[in-house]
Amino acid sequence: MLIRDWMEKDFEIIPIDSTVGRAKKLLKAEDAECGVVCDGEKFVGMLKSDKILGVDDDRPISDFIDEVVYTLDPQDTLDEAAVFFLEADMEKLPVIEDEKIVGVLDLFQILDAFTQMAGFGEGGIRLELELDDAPGELKKVIDILYAHSLNILSILVHNSKEVGKKITILRVTGKNVKDLAKILEVSNIGYRSIIKEEEI
């Protein structure tokens, strides 16, 4: 999933020549903890609301702007953006193309995207397995689900605490948890949990 599909294109810019008072008003209107500072269309940095708290309204914002080491490109992936957010300590990051700011991405947009990728809220059944970290192990499960006409909504995989194992979370269509549990047991596939989820 590319940043260009999730970034906010309509956002408030704080001009570089703004006073602290003007910046406070802009941030308050946006209900934002930080804002994008630009010189025309050129990105300059970010202004955090807590840095100008209690500062005289007539002062220029130039003394309070944070430089941003990490900027995003519209063609970057959300995975890359998530790593940048972990290291940047920012609520928002600018999206830059041809040296111009074309959008901003915030943590809530990333969470929204990952939630959708995970299939959360689509209903169905959430199945959690601990599989051997070996080629073909996941395919065995998928083949069994296919054989029983259970459509897969999403697949997430992460490392288990146990060496040589992977935790695999699948969301599949279906309403009957007991039937799915029986299918897995007959097929000699152990599971950690099976939960019916409601559609949101």
C-alpha atoms as a PDB file:
ATOM      1  CA  MET A   1       0.000   0.000   0.000  1.00  0.00           C
ATOM      2  CA  LEU A   2       1.493   3.280  -1.144  1.00  0.00           C
ATOM      3  CA  ILE A   3       1.551   6.510   0.817  1.00  0.00           C
ATOM      4  CA  ARG A   4      -0.003   8.415  -2.097  1.00  0.00           C
ATOM      5  CA  ASP A   5      -3.253   6.497  -1.542  1.00  0.00           C
ATOM      6  CA  TRP A   6      -3.433   7.349   2.165  1.00  0.00           C
ATOM      7  CA  MET A   7      -1.822  10.738   2.608  1.00  0.00           C
ATOM      8  CA  GLU A   8      -3.879  13.820   3.368  1.00  0.00           C
ATOM      9  CA  LYS A   9      -3.735  16.211   0.419  1.00  0.00           C
ATOM     10  CA  ASP A  10      -5.825  18.997   1.941  1.00  0.00           C
ATOM     11  CA  PHE A  11      -3.908  20.263   4.962  1.00  0.00           C
ATOM     12  CA  GLU A  12      -3.117  23.527   6.696  1.00  0.00           C
ATOM     13  CA  ILE A  13       0.296  25.094   6.140  1.00  0.00           C
ATOM     14  CA  ILE A  14       1.945  27.447   8.623  1.00  0.00           C
ATOM     15  CA  PRO A  15       3.919  30.049   6.600  1.00  0.00           C
ATOM     16  CA  ILE A  16       7.532  30.488   7.674  1.00  0.00           C
ATOM     17  CA  ASP A  17       6.978  34.188   8.423  1.00  0.00           C
ATOM     18  CA  SER A  18       4.113  33.503  10.872  1.00  0.00           C
ATOM     19  CA  THR A  19       4.080  34.761  14.417  1.00  0.00           C
ATOM     20  CA  VAL A  20       3.600  32.390  17.321  1.00  0.00           C
ATOM     21  CA  GLY A  21       0.096  33.802  17.813  1.00  0.00           C
ATOM     22  CA  ARG A  22      -0.914  32.985  14.237  1.00  0.00           C
ATOM     23  CA  ALA A  23       0.574  29.498  14.513  1.00  0.00           C
ATOM     24  CA  LYS A  24      -1.365  28.840  17.716  1.00  0.00           C
ATOM     25  CA  LYS A  25      -4.610  29.787  15.980  1.00  0.00           C
ATOM     26  CA  LEU A  26      -3.877  27.551  12.984  1.00  0.00           C
ATOM     27  CA  LEU A  27      -3.000  24.579  15.197  1.00  0.00           C
ATOM     28  CA  LYS A  28      -6.081  25.114  17.353  1.00  0.00           C
ATOM     29  CA  ALA A  29      -8.338  25.304  14.279  1.00  0.00           C
ATOM     30  CA  GLU A  30      -6.899  22.006  13.045  1.00  0.00           C
ATOM     31  CA  ASP A  31      -6.979  20.492  16.563  1.00  0.00           C
ATOM     32  CA  ALA A  32      -3.400  19.416  15.870  1.00  0.00           C
ATOM     33  CA  GLU A  33      -0.394  18.810  18.102  1.00  0.00           C
ATOM     34  CA  CYS A  34       2.000  19.778  15.320  1.00  0.00           C
ATOM     35  CA  GLY A  35       1.853  21.643  12.028  1.00  0.00           C
ATOM     36  CA  VAL A  36       3.686  21.812   8.711  1.00  0.00           C
ATOM     37  CA  VAL A  37       5.851  24.896   8.178  1.00  0.00           C
ATOM     38  CA  CYS A  38       6.561  25.925   4.580  1.00  0.00           C
ATOM     39  CA  ASP A  39       8.239  28.699   2.655  1.00  0.00           C
ATOM     40  CA  GLY A  40       5.806  28.891  -0.237  1.00  0.00           C
ATOM     41  CA  GLU A  41       5.527  25.254  -1.382  1.00  0.00           C
ATOM     42  CA  LYS A  42       8.933  24.313   0.024  1.00  0.00           C
ATOM     43  CA  PHE A  43       8.833  22.299   3.239  1.00  0.00           C
ATOM     44  CA  VAL A  44      10.846  23.820   6.101  1.00  0.00           C
ATOM     45  CA  GLY A  45      10.006  21.775   9.195  1.00  0.00           C
ATOM     46  CA  MET A  46       7.394  20.920  11.812  1.00  0.00           C
ATOM     47  CA  LEU A  47       6.092  23.073  14.623  1.00  0.00           C
ATOM     48  CA  LYS A  48       4.939  21.305  17.777  1.00  0.00           C
ATOM     49  CA  SER A  49       2.248  23.050  19.812  1.00  0.00           C
ATOM     50  CA  ASP A  50       3.979  22.303  23.119  1.00  0.00           C
ATOM     51  CA  LYS A  51       7.099  24.211  21.975  1.00  0.00           C
ATOM     52  CA  ILE A  52       5.138  27.456  21.673  1.00  0.00           C
ATOM     53  CA  LEU A  53       2.979  26.979  24.746  1.00  0.00           C
ATOM     54  CA  GLY A  54       3.337  30.068  26.921  1.00  0.00           C
ATOM     55  CA  VAL A  55       5.491  31.844  24.327  1.00  0.00           C
ATOM     56  CA  ASP A  56       4.689  35.486  23.524  1.00  0.00           C
ATOM     57  CA  ASP A  57       2.337  35.697  20.523  1.00  0.00           C
ATOM     58  CA  ASP A  58       4.442  38.346  18.766  1.00  0.00           C
ATOM     59  CA  ARG A  59       7.566  36.196  18.463  1.00  0.00           C
ATOM     60  CA  PRO A  60       8.434  34.603  15.107  1.00  0.00           C
ATOM     61  CA  ILE A  61       8.036  30.845  14.824  1.00  0.00           C
ATOM     62  CA  SER A  62      11.474  30.442  13.264  1.00  0.00           C
ATOM     63  CA  ASP A  63      13.044  29.823  16.695  1.00  0.00           C
ATOM     64  CA  PHE A  64      10.738  26.894  17.435  1.00  0.00           C
ATOM     65  CA  ILE A  65      10.685  24.868  14.214  1.00  0.00           C
ATOM     66  CA  ASP A  66      11.918  21.274  14.368  1.00  0.00           C
ATOM     67  CA  GLU A  67      13.907  19.993  11.411  1.00  0.00           C
ATOM     68  CA  VAL A  68      12.635  16.675  10.114  1.00  0.00           C
ATOM     69  CA  VAL A  69      15.206  14.032   9.271  1.00  0.00           C
ATOM     70  CA  TYR A  70      12.661  11.695   7.717  1.00  0.00           C
ATOM     71  CA  THR A  71      10.414  12.809   4.875  1.00  0.00           C
ATOM     72  CA  LEU A  72       8.182  10.563   2.820  1.00  0.00           C
ATOM     73  CA  ASP A  73       7.722  10.112  -0.905  1.00  0.00           C
ATOM     74  CA  PRO A  74       4.285   9.344  -2.422  1.00  0.00           C
ATOM     75  CA  GLN A  75       5.745   6.085  -3.774  1.00  0.00           C
ATOM     76  CA  ASP A  76       6.979   4.903  -0.369  1.00  0.00           C
ATOM     77  CA  THR A  77       5.028   2.123   1.312  1.00  0.00           C
ATOM     78  CA  LEU A  78       3.123   2.389   4.569  1.00  0.00           C
ATOM     79  CA  ASP A  79       5.510  -0.193   6.044  1.00  0.00           C
ATOM     80  CA  GLU A  80       8.420   2.203   5.461  1.00  0.00           C
ATOM     81  CA  ALA A  81       6.407   5.102   6.864  1.00  0.00           C
ATOM     82  CA  ALA A  82       5.652   3.151  10.053  1.00  0.00           C
ATOM     83  CA  VAL A  83       9.392   2.659  10.668  1.00  0.00           C
ATOM     84  CA  PHE A  84      10.039   6.369  10.078  1.00  0.00           C
ATOM     85  CA  PHE A  85       7.356   7.296  12.608  1.00  0.00           C
ATOM     86  CA  LEU A  86       8.972   5.083  15.228  1.00  0.00           C
ATOM     87  CA  GLU A  87      12.248   6.961  14.814  1.00  0.00           C
ATOM     88  CA  ALA A  88      10.976  10.497  14.124  1.00  0.00           C
ATOM     89  CA  ASP A  89       8.924  11.193  17.291  1.00  0.00           C
ATOM     90  CA  MET A  90       6.401  13.166  15.224  1.00  0.00           C
ATOM     91  CA  GLU A  91       2.620  13.069  14.972  1.00  0.00           C
ATOM     92  CA  LYS A  92       2.796  13.868  11.251  1.00  0.00           C
ATOM     93  CA  LEU A  93       5.381  13.513   8.520  1.00  0.00           C
ATOM     94  CA  PRO A  94       5.531  15.484   5.273  1.00  0.00           C
ATOM     95  CA  VAL A  95       5.212  13.846   1.873  1.00  0.00           C
ATOM     96  CA  ILE A  96       7.648  15.480  -0.556  1.00  0.00           C
ATOM     97  CA  GLU A  97       7.771  15.212  -4.342  1.00  0.00           C
ATOM     98  CA  ASP A  98      10.114  17.262  -6.551  1.00  0.00           C
ATOM     99  CA  GLU A  99      11.114  19.275  -3.465  1.00  0.00           C
ATOM    100  CA  LYS A 100       7.502  20.393  -2.903  1.00  0.00           C
ATOM    101  CA  ILE A 101       5.171  19.265  -0.146  1.00  0.00           C
ATOM    102  CA  VAL A 102       2.258  17.349  -1.666  1.00  0.00           C
ATOM    103  CA  GLY A 103       0.715  15.831   1.443  1.00  0.00           C
ATOM    104  CA  VAL A 104       1.051  14.801   5.059  1.00  0.00           C
ATOM    105  CA  LEU A 105       0.684  11.424   6.697  1.00  0.00           C
ATOM    106  CA  ASP A 106      -0.191  10.909  10.343  1.00  0.00           C
ATOM    107  CA  LEU A 107      -0.225   7.930  12.675  1.00  0.00           C
ATOM    108  CA  PHE A 108      -4.007   7.574  12.534  1.00  0.00           C
ATOM    109  CA  GLN A 109      -3.909   7.124   8.758  1.00  0.00           C
ATOM    110  CA  ILE A 110      -1.316   4.370   9.158  1.00  0.00           C
ATOM    111  CA  LEU A 111      -3.399   2.647  11.841  1.00  0.00           C
ATOM    112  CA  ASP A 112      -6.488   2.912   9.618  1.00  0.00           C
ATOM    113  CA  ALA A 113      -4.611   1.387   6.680  1.00  0.00           C
ATOM    114  CA  PHE A 114      -3.139  -1.470   8.729  1.00  0.00           C
ATOM    115  CA  THR A 115      -6.539  -2.188  10.282  1.00  0.00           C
ATOM    116  CA  GLN A 116      -8.030  -2.502   6.810  1.00  0.00           C
ATOM    117  CA  MET A 117      -5.120  -4.681   5.629  1.00  0.00           C
ATOM    118  CA  ALA A 118      -5.717  -6.959   8.603  1.00  0.00           C
ATOM    119  CA  GLY A 119      -9.363  -7.385   7.589  1.00  0.00           C
ATOM    120  CA  PHE A 120     -10.561  -6.148  10.959  1.00  0.00           C
ATOM    121  CA  GLY A 121     -14.226  -5.230  10.945  1.00  0.00           C
ATOM    122  CA  GLU A 122     -15.175  -7.404   7.972  1.00  0.00           C
ATOM    123  CA  GLY A 123     -16.766 -10.051  10.133  1.00  0.00           C
ATOM    124  CA  GLY A 124     -16.037 -13.748   9.706  1.00  0.00           C
ATOM    125  CA  ILE A 125     -13.694 -15.820  11.840  1.00  0.00           C
ATOM    126  CA  ARG A 126     -10.266 -14.931  13.241  1.00  0.00           C
ATOM    127  CA  LEU A 127      -8.004 -17.962  13.313  1.00  0.00           C
ATOM    128  CA  GLU A 128      -4.643 -17.916  15.087  1.00  0.00           C
ATOM    129  CA  LEU A 129      -2.123 -20.690  14.410  1.00  0.00           C
ATOM    130  CA  GLU A 130       1.464 -21.434  15.372  1.00  0.00           C
ATOM    131  CA  LEU A 131       3.078 -23.038  12.347  1.00  0.00           C
ATOM    132  CA  ASP A 132       6.539 -24.409  11.661  1.00  0.00           C
ATOM    133  CA  ASP A 133       8.688 -21.796   9.941  1.00  0.00           C
ATOM    134  CA  ALA A 134       9.126 -23.925   6.830  1.00  0.00           C
ATOM    135  CA  PRO A 135       8.066 -23.732   3.189  1.00  0.00           C
ATOM    136  CA  GLY A 136       4.608 -25.154   2.516  1.00  0.00           C
ATOM    137  CA  GLU A 137       3.243 -25.016   6.084  1.00  0.00           C
ATOM    138  CA  LEU A 138       0.888 -22.120   5.399  1.00  0.00           C
ATOM    139  CA  LYS A 139      -0.119 -23.614   2.058  1.00  0.00           C
ATOM    140  CA  LYS A 140      -1.448 -26.714   3.850  1.00  0.00           C
ATOM    141  CA  VAL A 141      -3.829 -24.526   5.842  1.00  0.00           C
ATOM    142  CA  ILE A 142      -4.869 -22.491   2.797  1.00  0.00           C
ATOM    143  CA  ASP A 143      -5.584 -25.668   0.816  1.00  0.00           C
ATOM    144  CA  ILE A 144      -7.841 -26.953   3.591  1.00  0.00           C
ATOM    145  CA  LEU A 145      -9.720 -23.658   3.795  1.00  0.00           C
ATOM    146  CA  TYR A 146     -10.110 -23.660   0.002  1.00  0.00           C
ATOM    147  CA  ALA A 147     -11.413 -27.228   0.034  1.00  0.00           C
ATOM    148  CA  HIS A 148     -14.184 -26.099   2.399  1.00  0.00           C
ATOM    149  CA  SER A 149     -15.016 -22.937   0.394  1.00  0.00           C
ATOM    150  CA  LEU A 150     -13.746 -20.599   3.121  1.00  0.00           C
ATOM    151  CA  ASN A 151     -12.517 -17.359   1.583  1.00  0.00           C
ATOM    152  CA  ILE A 152      -9.491 -15.677   3.186  1.00  0.00           C
ATOM    153  CA  LEU A 153      -9.977 -12.014   4.127  1.00  0.00           C
ATOM    154  CA  SER A 154      -6.436 -11.405   5.392  1.00  0.00           C
ATOM    155  CA  ILE A 155      -3.233 -13.101   6.513  1.00  0.00           C
ATOM    156  CA  LEU A 156      -0.757 -11.725   9.068  1.00  0.00           C
ATOM    157  CA  VAL A 157       2.456 -13.489  10.031  1.00  0.00           C
ATOM    158  CA  HIS A 158       4.962 -12.674  12.765  1.00  0.00           C
ATOM    159  CA  ASN A 159       7.706 -14.457  14.687  1.00  0.00           C
ATOM    160  CA  SER A 160       6.800 -16.706  17.579  1.00  0.00           C
ATOM    161  CA  LYS A 161       8.692 -16.677  20.856  1.00  0.00           C
ATOM    162  CA  GLU A 162       9.465 -20.286  20.071  1.00  0.00           C
ATOM    163  CA  VAL A 163      12.397 -20.689  17.685  1.00  0.00           C
ATOM    164  CA  GLY A 164      11.441 -22.186  14.325  1.00  0.00           C
ATOM    165  CA  LYS A 165       7.769 -21.174  14.620  1.00  0.00           C
ATOM    166  CA  LYS A 166       5.610 -18.436  13.123  1.00  0.00           C
ATOM    167  CA  ILE A 167       2.361 -17.040  14.494  1.00  0.00           C
ATOM    168  CA  THR A 168      -0.140 -16.822  11.643  1.00  0.00           C
ATOM    169  CA  ILE A 169      -3.427 -14.961  11.951  1.00  0.00           C
ATOM    170  CA  LEU A 170      -6.029 -15.549   9.267  1.00  0.00           C
ATOM    171  CA  ARG A 171      -9.418 -13.922   8.919  1.00  0.00           C
ATOM    172  CA  VAL A 172     -11.776 -16.063   6.874  1.00  0.00           C
ATOM    173  CA  THR A 173     -15.391 -15.976   5.826  1.00  0.00           C
ATOM    174  CA  GLY A 174     -17.790 -18.097   7.794  1.00  0.00           C
ATOM    175  CA  LYS A 175     -19.964 -17.938  10.874  1.00  0.00           C
ATOM    176  CA  ASN A 176     -19.580 -21.279  12.587  1.00  0.00           C
ATOM    177  CA  VAL A 177     -16.519 -21.487  14.816  1.00  0.00           C
ATOM    178  CA  LYS A 178     -17.244 -25.083  15.846  1.00  0.00           C
ATOM    179  CA  ASP A 179     -17.329 -26.266  12.238  1.00  0.00           C
ATOM    180  CA  LEU A 180     -13.986 -24.638  11.470  1.00  0.00           C
ATOM    181  CA  ALA A 181     -12.448 -26.096  14.628  1.00  0.00           C
ATOM    182  CA  LYS A 182     -13.628 -29.549  13.588  1.00  0.00           C
ATOM    183  CA  ILE A 183     -12.195 -29.116  10.076  1.00  0.00           C
ATOM    184  CA  LEU A 184      -8.803 -28.205  11.520  1.00  0.00           C
ATOM    185  CA  GLU A 185      -8.814 -31.037  14.065  1.00  0.00           C
ATOM    186  CA  VAL A 186      -9.676 -33.618  11.415  1.00  0.00           C
ATOM    187  CA  SER A 187      -6.840 -32.233   9.290  1.00  0.00           C
ATOM    188  CA  ASN A 188      -4.390 -32.449  12.240  1.00  0.00           C
ATOM    189  CA  ILE A 189      -3.830 -28.691  12.351  1.00  0.00           C
ATOM    190  CA  GLY A 190      -3.560 -27.261  15.839  1.00  0.00           C
ATOM    191  CA  TYR A 191      -4.702 -23.730  16.553  1.00  0.00           C
ATOM    192  CA  ARG A 192      -4.178 -21.194  19.318  1.00  0.00           C
ATOM    193  CA  SER A 193      -7.601 -19.585  19.055  1.00  0.00           C
ATOM    194  CA  ILE A 194     -10.696 -19.305  16.875  1.00  0.00           C
ATOM    195  CA  ILE A 195     -12.929 -16.283  17.405  1.00  0.00           C
ATOM    196  CA  LYS A 196     -16.110 -15.163  15.669  1.00  0.00           C
ATOM    197  CA  GLU A 197     -15.867 -11.463  14.769  1.00  0.00           C
ATOM    198  CA  GLU A 198     -18.735  -9.126  14.097  1.00  0.00           C
ATOM    199  CA  GLU A 199     -18.831  -6.923  11.052  1.00  0.00           C
ATOM    200  CA  ILE A 200     -18.299  -3.251  11.851  1.00  0.00           C
END
